[in-house]
Amino acid sequence: MKLDLSNFQTVVADLTVGGETCDLPPRVEIPTRSELDIELAPLLRKVEAMSIAEIDRLMAELQELKGYLQSERKRIERGTIRYKNLTKTASASVKTILDAVSQLHPALYPRKSSASEVTAATGHPPV
């Protein structure tokens, strides 16, 4: 026995179970694909617009953070250059002061000899 589902509502309405006739809810119309497309189109456009707006907002935020990080990099580079120059200046000042003091008090601050001066004076390389 093969059932014809095209008249399913009619067949089921005539069925009885335990002496009682089955009551089915009124026939529900299933929307066609074009009707679904018409109903879903505005919802899909809204979801699409919201998604694009969120992506645009995130991209703008990332651009802002990129700019901040680039400015911080430049600030740190400037600070590093200033520190390097300050260190060179401080080292030069200490050397100048040490040279001046060693000339005033040669017995207290003898100048260190370079390896070539020791070799020339003794004939042997320093140990």
C-alpha atoms as a PDB file:
ATOM      1  CA  MET A   1       0.000   0.000   0.000  1.00  0.00           C
ATOM      2  CA  LYS A   2       1.458   3.307  -1.078  1.00  0.00           C
ATOM      3  CA  LEU A   3       0.254   6.518   0.537  1.00  0.00           C
ATOM      4  CA  ASP A   4      -0.455   9.549  -1.509  1.00  0.00           C
ATOM      5  CA  LEU A   5       0.720  12.463   0.632  1.00  0.00           C
ATOM      6  CA  SER A   6      -0.922  15.076  -1.524  1.00  0.00           C
ATOM      7  CA  ASN A   7      -4.227  14.530   0.255  1.00  0.00           C
ATOM      8  CA  PHE A   8      -2.716  13.636   3.629  1.00  0.00           C
ATOM      9  CA  GLN A   9      -5.070  15.933   5.554  1.00  0.00           C
ATOM     10  CA  THR A  10      -8.131  14.212   4.073  1.00  0.00           C
ATOM     11  CA  VAL A  11      -6.829  10.712   4.797  1.00  0.00           C
ATOM     12  CA  VAL A  12      -5.884  11.518   8.393  1.00  0.00           C
ATOM     13  CA  ALA A  13      -9.179  13.272   9.078  1.00  0.00           C
ATOM     14  CA  ASP A  14     -10.995  10.006   8.359  1.00  0.00           C
ATOM     15  CA  LEU A  15      -8.813   7.916  10.670  1.00  0.00           C
ATOM     16  CA  THR A  16     -10.200   6.741  13.971  1.00  0.00           C
ATOM     17  CA  VAL A  17      -8.213   5.675  16.969  1.00  0.00           C
ATOM     18  CA  GLY A  18     -10.048   3.874  19.740  1.00  0.00           C
ATOM     19  CA  GLY A  19     -13.381   4.797  18.210  1.00  0.00           C
ATOM     20  CA  GLU A  20     -12.561   8.503  18.084  1.00  0.00           C
ATOM     21  CA  THR A  21     -11.867  10.503  14.974  1.00  0.00           C
ATOM     22  CA  CYS A  22      -8.514  12.252  14.865  1.00  0.00           C
ATOM     23  CA  ASP A  23      -8.813  15.990  14.919  1.00  0.00           C
ATOM     24  CA  LEU A  24      -5.933  17.735  13.203  1.00  0.00           C
ATOM     25  CA  PRO A  25      -5.243  21.415  13.479  1.00  0.00           C
ATOM     26  CA  PRO A  26      -6.276  23.444  10.485  1.00  0.00           C
ATOM     27  CA  ARG A  27      -3.977  23.135   7.565  1.00  0.00           C
ATOM     28  CA  VAL A  28      -0.872  25.248   7.953  1.00  0.00           C
ATOM     29  CA  GLU A  29       0.357  26.902   4.810  1.00  0.00           C
ATOM     30  CA  ILE A  30       4.081  26.457   4.270  1.00  0.00           C
ATOM     31  CA  PRO A  31       5.513  29.590   2.716  1.00  0.00           C
ATOM     32  CA  THR A  32       7.137  29.225  -0.658  1.00  0.00           C
ATOM     33  CA  ARG A  33      10.801  29.943  -1.218  1.00  0.00           C
ATOM     34  CA  SER A  34      10.089  33.319  -2.790  1.00  0.00           C
ATOM     35  CA  GLU A  35       7.895  34.293   0.187  1.00  0.00           C
ATOM     36  CA  LEU A  36      10.696  33.264   2.561  1.00  0.00           C
ATOM     37  CA  ASP A  37      13.202  35.256   0.534  1.00  0.00           C
ATOM     38  CA  ILE A  38      10.957  38.319   0.710  1.00  0.00           C
ATOM     39  CA  GLU A  39      10.591  37.971   4.496  1.00  0.00           C
ATOM     40  CA  LEU A  40      14.234  37.181   5.187  1.00  0.00           C
ATOM     41  CA  ALA A  41      15.769  39.789   2.893  1.00  0.00           C
ATOM     42  CA  PRO A  42      15.262  42.755   5.259  1.00  0.00           C
ATOM     43  CA  LEU A  43      16.554  40.734   8.206  1.00  0.00           C
ATOM     44  CA  LEU A  44      19.633  39.645   6.266  1.00  0.00           C
ATOM     45  CA  ARG A  45      20.307  43.242   5.143  1.00  0.00           C
ATOM     46  CA  LYS A  46      20.053  44.393   8.761  1.00  0.00           C
ATOM     47  CA  VAL A  47      22.431  41.669  10.003  1.00  0.00           C
ATOM     48  CA  GLU A  48      24.812  42.454   7.144  1.00  0.00           C
ATOM     49  CA  ALA A  49      24.765  46.175   7.921  1.00  0.00           C
ATOM     50  CA  MET A  50      25.350  45.539  11.626  1.00  0.00           C
ATOM     51  CA  SER A  51      28.251  43.193  10.864  1.00  0.00           C
ATOM     52  CA  ILE A  52      29.871  45.651   8.471  1.00  0.00           C
ATOM     53  CA  ALA A  53      29.448  48.477  10.982  1.00  0.00           C
ATOM     54  CA  GLU A  54      31.090  46.367  13.706  1.00  0.00           C
ATOM     55  CA  ILE A  55      34.001  45.467  11.416  1.00  0.00           C
ATOM     56  CA  ASP A  56      34.422  49.138  10.456  1.00  0.00           C
ATOM     57  CA  ARG A  57      34.398  50.134  14.131  1.00  0.00           C
ATOM     58  CA  LEU A  58      37.026  47.508  14.980  1.00  0.00           C
ATOM     59  CA  MET A  59      39.209  48.591  12.050  1.00  0.00           C
ATOM     60  CA  ALA A  60      39.024  52.217  13.181  1.00  0.00           C
ATOM     61  CA  GLU A  61      39.957  51.169  16.709  1.00  0.00           C
ATOM     62  CA  LEU A  62      42.910  49.166  15.404  1.00  0.00           C
ATOM     63  CA  GLN A  63      44.080  52.141  13.313  1.00  0.00           C
ATOM     64  CA  GLU A  64      43.903  54.333  16.411  1.00  0.00           C
ATOM     65  CA  LEU A  65      45.910  51.798  18.421  1.00  0.00           C
ATOM     66  CA  LYS A  66      48.445  51.527  15.602  1.00  0.00           C
ATOM     67  CA  GLY A  67      48.929  55.287  15.659  1.00  0.00           C
ATOM     68  CA  TYR A  68      49.343  55.249  19.441  1.00  0.00           C
ATOM     69  CA  LEU A  69      51.940  52.453  19.279  1.00  0.00           C
ATOM     70  CA  GLN A  70      53.879  54.251  16.544  1.00  0.00           C
ATOM     71  CA  SER A  71      53.976  57.478  18.568  1.00  0.00           C
ATOM     72  CA  GLU A  72      55.111  55.531  21.649  1.00  0.00           C
ATOM     73  CA  ARG A  73      57.871  53.873  19.597  1.00  0.00           C
ATOM     74  CA  LYS A  74      59.093  57.294  18.472  1.00  0.00           C
ATOM     75  CA  ARG A  75      58.937  58.639  22.026  1.00  0.00           C
ATOM     76  CA  ILE A  76      60.970  55.681  23.336  1.00  0.00           C
ATOM     77  CA  GLU A  77      63.508  56.061  20.510  1.00  0.00           C
ATOM     78  CA  ARG A  78      63.956  59.755  21.394  1.00  0.00           C
ATOM     79  CA  GLY A  79      64.389  58.829  25.066  1.00  0.00           C
ATOM     80  CA  THR A  80      66.953  56.162  24.190  1.00  0.00           C
ATOM     81  CA  ILE A  81      68.942  58.614  22.058  1.00  0.00           C
ATOM     82  CA  ARG A  82      68.872  61.205  24.877  1.00  0.00           C
ATOM     83  CA  TYR A  83      70.008  58.558  27.375  1.00  0.00           C
ATOM     84  CA  LYS A  84      72.808  57.425  25.037  1.00  0.00           C
ATOM     85  CA  ASN A  85      74.030  61.024  24.604  1.00  0.00           C
ATOM     86  CA  LEU A  86      73.788  61.655  28.331  1.00  0.00           C
ATOM     87  CA  THR A  87      75.809  58.504  29.029  1.00  0.00           C
ATOM     88  CA  LYS A  88      78.520  59.562  26.538  1.00  0.00           C
ATOM     89  CA  THR A  89      78.647  63.044  28.063  1.00  0.00           C
ATOM     90  CA  ALA A  90      78.846  61.664  31.607  1.00  0.00           C
ATOM     91  CA  SER A  91      81.632  59.235  30.643  1.00  0.00           C
ATOM     92  CA  ALA A  92      83.593  62.015  28.948  1.00  0.00           C
ATOM     93  CA  SER A  93      83.142  64.249  32.013  1.00  0.00           C
ATOM     94  CA  VAL A  94      84.368  61.520  34.360  1.00  0.00           C
ATOM     95  CA  LYS A  95      87.406  60.905  32.144  1.00  0.00           C
ATOM     96  CA  THR A  96      88.181  64.645  32.026  1.00  0.00           C
ATOM     97  CA  ILE A  97      87.876  64.942  35.799  1.00  0.00           C
ATOM     98  CA  LEU A  98      90.012  61.827  36.364  1.00  0.00           C
ATOM     99  CA  ASP A  99      92.714  63.133  33.996  1.00  0.00           C
ATOM    100  CA  ALA A 100      92.736  66.520  35.737  1.00  0.00           C
ATOM    101  CA  VAL A 101      92.949  64.987  39.225  1.00  0.00           C
ATOM    102  CA  SER A 102      95.661  62.511  38.176  1.00  0.00           C
ATOM    103  CA  GLN A 103      97.751  65.426  36.816  1.00  0.00           C
ATOM    104  CA  LEU A 104      97.348  67.344  40.088  1.00  0.00           C
ATOM    105  CA  HIS A 105      98.111  64.341  42.294  1.00  0.00           C
ATOM    106  CA  PRO A 106     100.140  61.850  40.218  1.00  0.00           C
ATOM    107  CA  ALA A 107     101.190  59.831  43.293  1.00  0.00           C
ATOM    108  CA  LEU A 108      97.563  59.237  44.367  1.00  0.00           C
ATOM    109  CA  TYR A 109      96.205  58.513  40.885  1.00  0.00           C
ATOM    110  CA  PRO A 110      98.890  56.916  38.727  1.00  0.00           C
ATOM    111  CA  ARG A 111      97.957  56.629  35.079  1.00  0.00           C
ATOM    112  CA  LYS A 112      97.395  53.111  33.871  1.00  0.00           C
ATOM    113  CA  SER A 113      99.853  52.093  31.227  1.00  0.00           C
ATOM    114  CA  SER A 114      98.642  50.663  28.008  1.00  0.00           C
ATOM    115  CA  ALA A 115      99.851  47.203  26.959  1.00  0.00           C
ATOM    116  CA  SER A 116     102.103  48.693  24.268  1.00  0.00           C
ATOM    117  CA  GLU A 117     103.835  50.995  26.815  1.00  0.00           C
ATOM    118  CA  VAL A 118     104.526  48.017  29.142  1.00  0.00           C
ATOM    119  CA  THR A 119     105.909  45.921  26.286  1.00  0.00           C
ATOM    120  CA  ALA A 120     108.143  48.753  25.106  1.00  0.00           C
ATOM    121  CA  ALA A 121     109.479  49.436  28.608  1.00  0.00           C
ATOM    122  CA  THR A 122     110.125  45.839  29.670  1.00  0.00           C
ATOM    123  CA  GLY A 123     110.576  44.028  26.401  1.00  0.00           C
ATOM    124  CA  HIS A 124     107.969  41.486  27.534  1.00  0.00           C
ATOM    125  CA  PRO A 125     104.170  41.501  27.081  1.00  0.00           C
ATOM    126  CA  PRO A 126     102.150  42.028  30.275  1.00  0.00           C
ATOM    127  CA  VAL A 127     101.065  38.894  32.141  1.00  0.00           C
END
